[in-house]
Amino acid sequence: MKVGSVLKKTLKLVENFFRDKYGGNMVEYALLIGFSLFIFFIIVGIITSLINWTIGQSNGLFELLG
């Protein structure tokens, strides 16, 4: 087989995948999962920074008292 025909066949398969309603749904699901992971890591980062801040405040209080 020639490289050009293999490339055309591959491009046709990719095009059909994205035009098919099931392929489009899979892409949407992948984007939703990626977005939810992004939001999850942002929330985890905020919570860990709050925990570190409270630990720092309690250490400062203990140094002030004793």
C-alpha atoms as a PDB file:
ATOM      1  CA  MET A   1       0.000   0.000   0.000  1.00  0.00           C
ATOM      2  CA  LYS A   2       1.090   3.508  -0.639  1.00  0.00           C
ATOM      3  CA  VAL A   3       1.587   5.973   2.173  1.00  0.00           C
ATOM      4  CA  GLY A   4      -0.914   8.391   0.624  1.00  0.00           C
ATOM      5  CA  SER A   5      -3.728   5.862   0.549  1.00  0.00           C
ATOM      6  CA  VAL A   6      -3.059   4.828   4.154  1.00  0.00           C
ATOM      7  CA  LEU A   7      -3.062   8.476   5.209  1.00  0.00           C
ATOM      8  CA  LYS A   8      -6.321   9.177   3.370  1.00  0.00           C
ATOM      9  CA  LYS A   9      -7.946   6.114   4.913  1.00  0.00           C
ATOM     10  CA  THR A  10      -6.810   7.158   8.396  1.00  0.00           C
ATOM     11  CA  LEU A  11      -8.061  10.715   7.932  1.00  0.00           C
ATOM     12  CA  LYS A  12     -11.404   9.384   6.703  1.00  0.00           C
ATOM     13  CA  LEU A  13     -11.726   7.178   9.792  1.00  0.00           C
ATOM     14  CA  VAL A  14     -10.924  10.106  12.105  1.00  0.00           C
ATOM     15  CA  GLU A  15     -13.420  12.321  10.281  1.00  0.00           C
ATOM     16  CA  ASN A  16     -16.147   9.680  10.560  1.00  0.00           C
ATOM     17  CA  PHE A  17     -15.372   9.238  14.258  1.00  0.00           C
ATOM     18  CA  PHE A  18     -15.903  12.919  15.026  1.00  0.00           C
ATOM     19  CA  ARG A  19     -19.008  13.229  12.830  1.00  0.00           C
ATOM     20  CA  ASP A  20     -20.641  10.145  14.304  1.00  0.00           C
ATOM     21  CA  LYS A  21     -22.984  10.961  17.173  1.00  0.00           C
ATOM     22  CA  TYR A  22     -21.314   8.410  19.436  1.00  0.00           C
ATOM     23  CA  GLY A  23     -17.832   9.744  18.772  1.00  0.00           C
ATOM     24  CA  GLY A  24     -18.993  13.272  19.508  1.00  0.00           C
ATOM     25  CA  ASN A  25     -20.459  12.091  22.775  1.00  0.00           C
ATOM     26  CA  MET A  26     -17.177  10.450  23.726  1.00  0.00           C
ATOM     27  CA  VAL A  27     -15.332  13.694  23.062  1.00  0.00           C
ATOM     28  CA  GLU A  28     -17.842  15.613  25.178  1.00  0.00           C
ATOM     29  CA  TYR A  29     -17.473  13.119  28.021  1.00  0.00           C
ATOM     30  CA  ALA A  30     -13.678  13.399  27.851  1.00  0.00           C
ATOM     31  CA  LEU A  31     -13.900  17.193  28.019  1.00  0.00           C
ATOM     32  CA  LEU A  32     -16.290  17.030  30.978  1.00  0.00           C
ATOM     33  CA  ILE A  33     -14.002  14.629  32.843  1.00  0.00           C
ATOM     34  CA  GLY A  34     -10.991  16.848  32.169  1.00  0.00           C
ATOM     35  CA  PHE A  35     -12.826  19.956  33.345  1.00  0.00           C
ATOM     36  CA  SER A  36     -14.045  18.218  36.506  1.00  0.00           C
ATOM     37  CA  LEU A  37     -10.487  17.045  37.289  1.00  0.00           C
ATOM     38  CA  PHE A  38      -9.245  20.610  36.788  1.00  0.00           C
ATOM     39  CA  ILE A  39     -11.843  21.987  39.220  1.00  0.00           C
ATOM     40  CA  PHE A  40     -11.108  19.165  41.694  1.00  0.00           C
ATOM     41  CA  PHE A  41      -7.406  19.998  41.799  1.00  0.00           C
ATOM     42  CA  ILE A  42      -8.157  23.694  42.253  1.00  0.00           C
ATOM     43  CA  ILE A  43     -10.408  22.899  45.238  1.00  0.00           C
ATOM     44  CA  VAL A  44      -7.804  20.551  46.736  1.00  0.00           C
ATOM     45  CA  GLY A  45      -5.146  23.263  46.369  1.00  0.00           C
ATOM     46  CA  ILE A  46      -7.327  25.824  48.129  1.00  0.00           C
ATOM     47  CA  ILE A  47      -8.111  23.437  50.991  1.00  0.00           C
ATOM     48  CA  THR A  48      -4.452  22.509  51.505  1.00  0.00           C
ATOM     49  CA  SER A  49      -3.440  26.171  51.570  1.00  0.00           C
ATOM     50  CA  LEU A  50      -6.139  26.846  54.186  1.00  0.00           C
ATOM     51  CA  ILE A  51      -4.891  23.934  56.287  1.00  0.00           C
ATOM     52  CA  ASN A  52      -1.294  25.174  56.036  1.00  0.00           C
ATOM     53  CA  TRP A  53      -2.415  28.670  57.045  1.00  0.00           C
ATOM     54  CA  THR A  54      -4.241  27.395  60.148  1.00  0.00           C
ATOM     55  CA  ILE A  55      -1.221  25.274  61.157  1.00  0.00           C
ATOM     56  CA  GLY A  56       0.991  28.340  60.820  1.00  0.00           C
ATOM     57  CA  GLN A  57      -1.396  30.397  62.944  1.00  0.00           C
ATOM     58  CA  SER A  58      -1.521  27.751  65.680  1.00  0.00           C
ATOM     59  CA  ASN A  59       2.291  27.512  65.715  1.00  0.00           C
ATOM     60  CA  GLY A  60       2.472  31.290  66.081  1.00  0.00           C
ATOM     61  CA  LEU A  61       0.038  31.167  68.985  1.00  0.00           C
ATOM     62  CA  PHE A  62       2.047  28.475  70.772  1.00  0.00           C
ATOM     63  CA  GLU A  63       5.262  30.490  70.300  1.00  0.00           C
ATOM     64  CA  LEU A  64       3.522  33.565  71.711  1.00  0.00           C
ATOM     65  CA  LEU A  65       2.218  31.704  74.766  1.00  0.00           C
ATOM     66  CA  GLY A  66       5.214  29.619  75.627  1.00  0.00           C
END
